[in-house]
Amino acid sequence: MPPTEGSMRERIRQVSLELFTERGYDGTSLREIAEHRPATLSALGEIPGIGRAKLDAYGRAVLEGMAQR
């Protein structure tokens, strides 16, 4: 069964707090990630607030964190 939006949002929040709170991600980016549920680096990079530097530095970890059950 796919995760609910609430559980996905919590998982994303945990990953983001561990990886990049100090690097400029904010609540807006987190909401966008939870709503769009990107499955690829390209899709993650299309979310406002996630530029190339953040994508390169943290993108794979974010996607892996979202994929963990």
PDB file of N, CA and C in Angstrom:
ATOM      1  N   MET A   1       0.849  -1.170   0.000  1.00  0.00           N
ATOM      2  CA  MET A   1       0.000   0.000   0.000  1.00  0.00           C
ATOM      3  C   MET A   1       0.900   1.241   0.000  1.00  0.00           C
ATOM      4  N   PRO A   2       0.620   2.218  -0.874  1.00  0.00           N
ATOM      5  CA  PRO A   2       1.444   3.430  -0.912  1.00  0.00           C
ATOM      6  C   PRO A   2       1.277   4.229   0.379  1.00  0.00           C
ATOM      7  N   PRO A   3       2.330   4.940   0.758  1.00  0.00           N
ATOM      8  CA  PRO A   3       2.235   5.740   1.966  1.00  0.00           C
ATOM      9  C   PRO A   3       1.220   6.867   1.786  1.00  0.00           C
ATOM     10  N   THR A   4       0.603   7.255   2.877  1.00  0.00           N
ATOM     11  CA  THR A   4      -0.338   8.366   2.824  1.00  0.00           C
ATOM     12  C   THR A   4       0.436   9.667   2.704  1.00  0.00           C
ATOM     13  N   GLU A   5      -0.250  10.720   2.316  1.00  0.00           N
ATOM     14  CA  GLU A   5       0.423  12.014   2.199  1.00  0.00           C
ATOM     15  C   GLU A   5       0.997  12.431   3.543  1.00  0.00           C
ATOM     16  N   GLY A   6       0.274  12.147   4.633  1.00  0.00           N
ATOM     17  CA  GLY A   6       0.763  12.499   5.967  1.00  0.00           C
ATOM     18  C   GLY A   6       2.036  11.765   6.331  1.00  0.00           C
ATOM     19  N   SER A   7       2.098  10.459   6.062  1.00  0.00           N
ATOM     20  CA  SER A   7       3.301   9.705   6.389  1.00  0.00           C
ATOM     21  C   SER A   7       4.453  10.093   5.478  1.00  0.00           C
ATOM     22  N   MET A   8       4.159  10.397   4.217  1.00  0.00           N
ATOM     23  CA  MET A   8       5.193  10.843   3.288  1.00  0.00           C
ATOM     24  C   MET A   8       5.738  12.190   3.740  1.00  0.00           C
ATOM     25  N   ARG A   9       4.872  13.077   4.147  1.00  0.00           N
ATOM     26  CA  ARG A   9       5.298  14.399   4.611  1.00  0.00           C
ATOM     27  C   ARG A   9       6.202  14.268   5.831  1.00  0.00           C
ATOM     28  N   GLU A  10       5.853  13.382   6.744  1.00  0.00           N
ATOM     29  CA  GLU A  10       6.671  13.185   7.945  1.00  0.00           C
ATOM     30  C   GLU A  10       8.037  12.610   7.589  1.00  0.00           C
ATOM     31  N   ARG A  11       8.067  11.658   6.682  1.00  0.00           N
ATOM     32  CA  ARG A  11       9.332  11.072   6.242  1.00  0.00           C
ATOM     33  C   ARG A  11      10.225  12.129   5.591  1.00  0.00           C
ATOM     34  N   ILE A  12       9.636  12.946   4.744  1.00  0.00           N
ATOM     35  CA  ILE A  12      10.387  14.019   4.094  1.00  0.00           C
ATOM     36  C   ILE A  12      10.898  15.000   5.140  1.00  0.00           C
ATOM     37  N   ARG A  13      10.074  15.317   6.114  1.00  0.00           N
ATOM     38  CA  ARG A  13      10.478  16.250   7.166  1.00  0.00           C
ATOM     39  C   ARG A  13      11.675  15.715   7.935  1.00  0.00           C
ATOM     40  N   GLN A  14      11.643  14.447   8.273  1.00  0.00           N
ATOM     41  CA  GLN A  14      12.753  13.851   9.012  1.00  0.00           C
ATOM     42  C   GLN A  14      14.045  13.880   8.202  1.00  0.00           C
ATOM     43  N   VAL A  15      13.952  13.507   6.946  1.00  0.00           N
ATOM     44  CA  VAL A  15      15.137  13.519   6.087  1.00  0.00           C
ATOM     45  C   VAL A  15      15.679  14.929   5.967  1.00  0.00           C
ATOM     46  N   SER A  16      14.794  15.867   5.720  1.00  0.00           N
ATOM     47  CA  SER A  16      15.256  17.240   5.516  1.00  0.00           C
ATOM     48  C   SER A  16      15.899  17.812   6.765  1.00  0.00           C
ATOM     49  N   LEU A  17      15.328  17.533   7.922  1.00  0.00           N
ATOM     50  CA  LEU A  17      15.920  18.056   9.147  1.00  0.00           C
ATOM     51  C   LEU A  17      17.316  17.502   9.367  1.00  0.00           C
ATOM     52  N   GLU A  18      17.506  16.249   9.045  1.00  0.00           N
ATOM     53  CA  GLU A  18      18.812  15.630   9.213  1.00  0.00           C
ATOM     54  C   GLU A  18      19.827  16.156   8.199  1.00  0.00           C
ATOM     55  N   LEU A  19      19.391  16.380   6.978  1.00  0.00           N
ATOM     56  CA  LEU A  19      20.330  16.659   5.902  1.00  0.00           C
ATOM     57  C   LEU A  19      20.559  18.124   5.565  1.00  0.00           C
ATOM     58  N   PHE A  20      19.515  18.935   5.616  1.00  0.00           N
ATOM     59  CA  PHE A  20      19.706  20.251   5.042  1.00  0.00           C
ATOM     60  C   PHE A  20      18.967  21.413   5.681  1.00  0.00           C
ATOM     61  N   THR A  21      18.586  21.296   6.931  1.00  0.00           N
ATOM     62  CA  THR A  21      17.939  22.412   7.600  1.00  0.00           C
ATOM     63  C   THR A  21      18.830  23.645   7.555  1.00  0.00           C
ATOM     64  N   GLU A  22      20.102  23.433   7.778  1.00  0.00           N
ATOM     65  CA  GLU A  22      21.038  24.547   7.791  1.00  0.00           C
ATOM     66  C   GLU A  22      21.429  25.013   6.389  1.00  0.00           C
ATOM     67  N   ARG A  23      20.982  24.327   5.373  1.00  0.00           N
ATOM     68  CA  ARG A  23      21.398  24.627   4.000  1.00  0.00           C
ATOM     69  C   ARG A  23      20.369  25.423   3.207  1.00  0.00           C
ATOM     70  N   GLY A  24      19.283  25.859   3.843  1.00  0.00           N
ATOM     71  CA  GLY A  24      18.381  26.763   3.147  1.00  0.00           C
ATOM     72  C   GLY A  24      17.049  26.198   2.696  1.00  0.00           C
ATOM     73  N   TYR A  25      16.778  24.929   2.955  1.00  0.00           N
ATOM     74  CA  TYR A  25      15.444  24.437   2.641  1.00  0.00           C
ATOM     75  C   TYR A  25      14.488  25.041   3.651  1.00  0.00           C
ATOM     76  N   ASP A  26      13.270  25.240   3.259  1.00  0.00           N
ATOM     77  CA  ASP A  26      12.291  25.817   4.175  1.00  0.00           C
ATOM     78  C   ASP A  26      10.987  25.031   4.101  1.00  0.00           C
ATOM     79  N   GLY A  27       9.999  25.471   4.861  1.00  0.00           N
ATOM     80  CA  GLY A  27       8.710  24.786   4.903  1.00  0.00           C
ATOM     81  C   GLY A  27       8.027  24.706   3.561  1.00  0.00           C
ATOM     82  N   THR A  28       8.198  25.725   2.745  1.00  0.00           N
ATOM     83  CA  THR A  28       7.581  25.717   1.419  1.00  0.00           C
ATOM     84  C   THR A  28       8.139  24.586   0.581  1.00  0.00           C
ATOM     85  N   SER A  29       9.454  24.429   0.580  1.00  0.00           N
ATOM     86  CA  SER A  29      10.067  23.346  -0.187  1.00  0.00           C
ATOM     87  C   SER A  29       9.564  21.994   0.302  1.00  0.00           C
ATOM     88  N   LEU A  30       9.462  21.830   1.611  1.00  0.00           N
ATOM     89  CA  LEU A  30       9.000  20.558   2.159  1.00  0.00           C
ATOM     90  C   LEU A  30       7.575  20.253   1.731  1.00  0.00           C
ATOM     91  N   ARG A  31       6.708  21.257   1.774  1.00  0.00           N
ATOM     92  CA  ARG A  31       5.323  21.037   1.343  1.00  0.00           C
ATOM     93  C   ARG A  31       5.272  20.666  -0.136  1.00  0.00           C
ATOM     94  N   GLU A  32       6.067  21.353  -0.932  1.00  0.00           N
ATOM     95  CA  GLU A  32       6.093  21.061  -2.364  1.00  0.00           C
ATOM     96  C   GLU A  32       6.574  19.631  -2.624  1.00  0.00           C
ATOM     97  N   ILE A  33       7.609  19.207  -1.916  1.00  0.00           N
ATOM     98  CA  ILE A  33       8.117  17.844  -2.081  1.00  0.00           C
ATOM     99  C   ILE A  33       7.032  16.840  -1.702  1.00  0.00           C
ATOM    100  N   ALA A  34       6.369  17.064  -0.574  1.00  0.00           N
ATOM    101  CA  ALA A  34       5.320  16.140  -0.127  1.00  0.00           C
ATOM    102  C   ALA A  34       4.155  16.092  -1.102  1.00  0.00           C
ATOM    103  N   GLU A  35       3.795  17.226  -1.650  1.00  0.00           N
ATOM    104  CA  GLU A  35       2.662  17.269  -2.578  1.00  0.00           C
ATOM    105  C   GLU A  35       2.991  16.628  -3.920  1.00  0.00           C
ATOM    106  N   HIS A  36       4.187  16.871  -4.424  1.00  0.00           N
ATOM    107  CA  HIS A  36       4.553  16.365  -5.744  1.00  0.00           C
ATOM    108  C   HIS A  36       5.124  14.954  -5.724  1.00  0.00           C
ATOM    109  N   ARG A  37       5.664  14.537  -4.607  1.00  0.00           N
ATOM    110  CA  ARG A  37       6.257  13.200  -4.460  1.00  0.00           C
ATOM    111  C   ARG A  37       7.165  12.854  -5.638  1.00  0.00           C
ATOM    112  N   PRO A  38       8.188  13.644  -5.867  1.00  0.00           N
ATOM    113  CA  PRO A  38       9.061  13.381  -7.017  1.00  0.00           C
ATOM    114  C   PRO A  38       9.754  12.031  -6.889  1.00  0.00           C
ATOM    115  N   ALA A  39       9.889  11.347  -7.996  1.00  0.00           N
ATOM    116  CA  ALA A  39      10.539  10.035  -8.006  1.00  0.00           C
ATOM    117  C   ALA A  39      11.903  10.078  -8.687  1.00  0.00           C
ATOM    118  N   THR A  40      12.215  11.213  -9.308  1.00  0.00           N
ATOM    119  CA  THR A  40      13.495  11.343 -10.002  1.00  0.00           C
ATOM    120  C   THR A  40      14.173  12.647  -9.589  1.00  0.00           C
ATOM    121  N   LEU A  41      15.473  12.708  -9.825  1.00  0.00           N
ATOM    122  CA  LEU A  41      16.204  13.937  -9.546  1.00  0.00           C
ATOM    123  C   LEU A  41      15.671  15.080 -10.401  1.00  0.00           C
ATOM    124  N   SER A  42      15.332  14.795 -11.623  1.00  0.00           N
ATOM    125  CA  SER A  42      14.794  15.821 -12.512  1.00  0.00           C
ATOM    126  C   SER A  42      13.508  16.411 -11.945  1.00  0.00           C
ATOM    127  N   ALA A  43      12.602  15.561 -11.496  1.00  0.00           N
ATOM    128  CA  ALA A  43      11.337  16.033 -10.926  1.00  0.00           C
ATOM    129  C   ALA A  43      11.574  16.806  -9.629  1.00  0.00           C
ATOM    130  N   LEU A  44      12.491  16.336  -8.802  1.00  0.00           N
ATOM    131  CA  LEU A  44      12.820  17.048  -7.567  1.00  0.00           C
ATOM    132  C   LEU A  44      13.380  18.425  -7.885  1.00  0.00           C
ATOM    133  N   GLY A  45      14.204  18.515  -8.902  1.00  0.00           N
ATOM    134  CA  GLY A  45      14.804  19.778  -9.286  1.00  0.00           C
ATOM    135  C   GLY A  45      13.820  20.804  -9.821  1.00  0.00           C
ATOM    136  N   GLU A  46      12.645  20.380 -10.214  1.00  0.00           N
ATOM    137  CA  GLU A  46      11.623  21.295 -10.715  1.00  0.00           C
ATOM    138  C   GLU A  46      10.862  21.986  -9.600  1.00  0.00           C
ATOM    139  N   ILE A  47      11.039  21.545  -8.365  1.00  0.00           N
ATOM    140  CA  ILE A  47      10.324  22.127  -7.236  1.00  0.00           C
ATOM    141  C   ILE A  47      10.961  23.459  -6.861  1.00  0.00           C
ATOM    142  N   PRO A  48      10.141  24.506  -6.717  1.00  0.00           N
ATOM    143  CA  PRO A  48      10.676  25.817  -6.347  1.00  0.00           C
ATOM    144  C   PRO A  48      11.481  25.748  -5.045  1.00  0.00           C
ATOM    145  N   GLY A  49      12.613  26.415  -5.037  1.00  0.00           N
ATOM    146  CA  GLY A  49      13.460  26.449  -3.849  1.00  0.00           C
ATOM    147  C   GLY A  49      14.547  25.394  -3.854  1.00  0.00           C
ATOM    148  N   ILE A  50      14.497  24.499  -4.820  1.00  0.00           N
ATOM    149  CA  ILE A  50      15.516  23.457  -4.904  1.00  0.00           C
ATOM    150  C   ILE A  50      16.332  23.716  -6.164  1.00  0.00           C
ATOM    151  N   GLY A  51      17.431  24.374  -5.970  1.00  0.00           N
ATOM    152  CA  GLY A  51      18.303  24.690  -7.090  1.00  0.00           C
ATOM    153  C   GLY A  51      19.292  23.567  -7.355  1.00  0.00           C
ATOM    154  N   ARG A  52      20.138  23.782  -8.314  1.00  0.00           N
ATOM    155  CA  ARG A  52      21.119  22.780  -8.734  1.00  0.00           C
ATOM    156  C   ARG A  52      22.034  22.369  -7.583  1.00  0.00           C
ATOM    157  N   ALA A  53      22.498  23.324  -6.783  1.00  0.00           N
ATOM    158  CA  ALA A  53      23.419  22.994  -5.687  1.00  0.00           C
ATOM    159  C   ALA A  53      22.769  22.061  -4.662  1.00  0.00           C
ATOM    160  N   LYS A  54      21.527  22.358  -4.273  1.00  0.00           N
ATOM    161  CA  LYS A  54      20.824  21.497  -3.316  1.00  0.00           C
ATOM    162  C   LYS A  54      20.519  20.145  -3.941  1.00  0.00           C
ATOM    163  N   LEU A  55      20.128  20.168  -5.186  1.00  0.00           N
ATOM    164  CA  LEU A  55      19.824  18.920  -5.874  1.00  0.00           C
ATOM    165  C   LEU A  55      21.056  18.025  -5.938  1.00  0.00           C
ATOM    166  N   ASP A  56      22.186  18.601  -6.319  1.00  0.00           N
ATOM    167  CA  ASP A  56      23.424  17.826  -6.403  1.00  0.00           C
ATOM    168  C   ASP A  56      23.870  17.319  -5.033  1.00  0.00           C
ATOM    169  N   ALA A  57      23.741  18.162  -4.023  1.00  0.00           N
ATOM    170  CA  ALA A  57      24.226  17.801  -2.690  1.00  0.00           C
ATOM    171  C   ALA A  57      23.306  16.833  -1.953  1.00  0.00           C
ATOM    172  N   TYR A  58      21.994  16.987  -2.113  1.00  0.00           N
ATOM    173  CA  TYR A  58      21.060  16.246  -1.265  1.00  0.00           C
ATOM    174  C   TYR A  58      19.971  15.486  -2.008  1.00  0.00           C
ATOM    175  N   GLY A  59      19.878  15.663  -3.294  1.00  0.00           N
ATOM    176  CA  GLY A  59      18.765  15.082  -4.041  1.00  0.00           C
ATOM    177  C   GLY A  59      18.626  13.577  -3.895  1.00  0.00           C
ATOM    178  N   ARG A  60      19.723  12.854  -4.070  1.00  0.00           N
ATOM    179  CA  ARG A  60      19.639  11.385  -3.955  1.00  0.00           C
ATOM    180  C   ARG A  60      19.226  10.958  -2.548  1.00  0.00           C
ATOM    181  N   ALA A  61      19.754  11.621  -1.541  1.00  0.00           N
ATOM    182  CA  ALA A  61      19.402  11.273  -0.158  1.00  0.00           C
ATOM    183  C   ALA A  61      17.926  11.549   0.121  1.00  0.00           C
ATOM    184  N   VAL A  62      17.399  12.634  -0.427  1.00  0.00           N
ATOM    185  CA  VAL A  62      15.979  12.940  -0.254  1.00  0.00           C
ATOM    186  C   VAL A  62      15.137  11.854  -0.903  1.00  0.00           C
ATOM    187  N   LEU A  63      15.458  11.499  -2.133  1.00  0.00           N
ATOM    188  CA  LEU A  63      14.682  10.466  -2.827  1.00  0.00           C
ATOM    189  C   LEU A  63      14.795   9.123  -2.125  1.00  0.00           C
ATOM    190  N   GLU A  64      15.982   8.770  -1.651  1.00  0.00           N
ATOM    191  CA  GLU A  64      16.152   7.520  -0.924  1.00  0.00           C
ATOM    192  C   GLU A  64      15.372   7.535   0.383  1.00  0.00           C
ATOM    193  N   GLY A  65      15.381   8.659   1.074  1.00  0.00           N
ATOM    194  CA  GLY A  65      14.624   8.779   2.320  1.00  0.00           C
ATOM    195  C   GLY A  65      13.131   8.637   2.088  1.00  0.00           C
ATOM    196  N   MET A  66      12.655   9.181   0.981  1.00  0.00           N
ATOM    197  CA  MET A  66      11.234   9.046   0.653  1.00  0.00           C
ATOM    198  C   MET A  66      10.885   7.618   0.296  1.00  0.00           C
ATOM    199  N   ALA A  67      11.808   6.880  -0.276  1.00  0.00           N
ATOM    200  CA  ALA A  67      11.542   5.520  -0.715  1.00  0.00           C
ATOM    201  C   ALA A  67      11.569   4.503   0.430  1.00  0.00           C
ATOM    202  N   GLN A  68      12.192   4.859   1.543  1.00  0.00           N
ATOM    203  CA  GLN A  68      12.261   3.939   2.676  1.00  0.00           C
ATOM    204  C   GLN A  68      10.891   3.760   3.285  1.00  0.00           C
ATOM    205  N   ARG A  69      10.616   2.572   3.686  1.00  0.00           N
ATOM    206  CA  ARG A  69       9.302   2.302   4.316  1.00  0.00           C
ATOM    207  C   ARG A  69       9.477   1.921   5.737  1.00  0.00           C
TER     208      ARG A  69
END
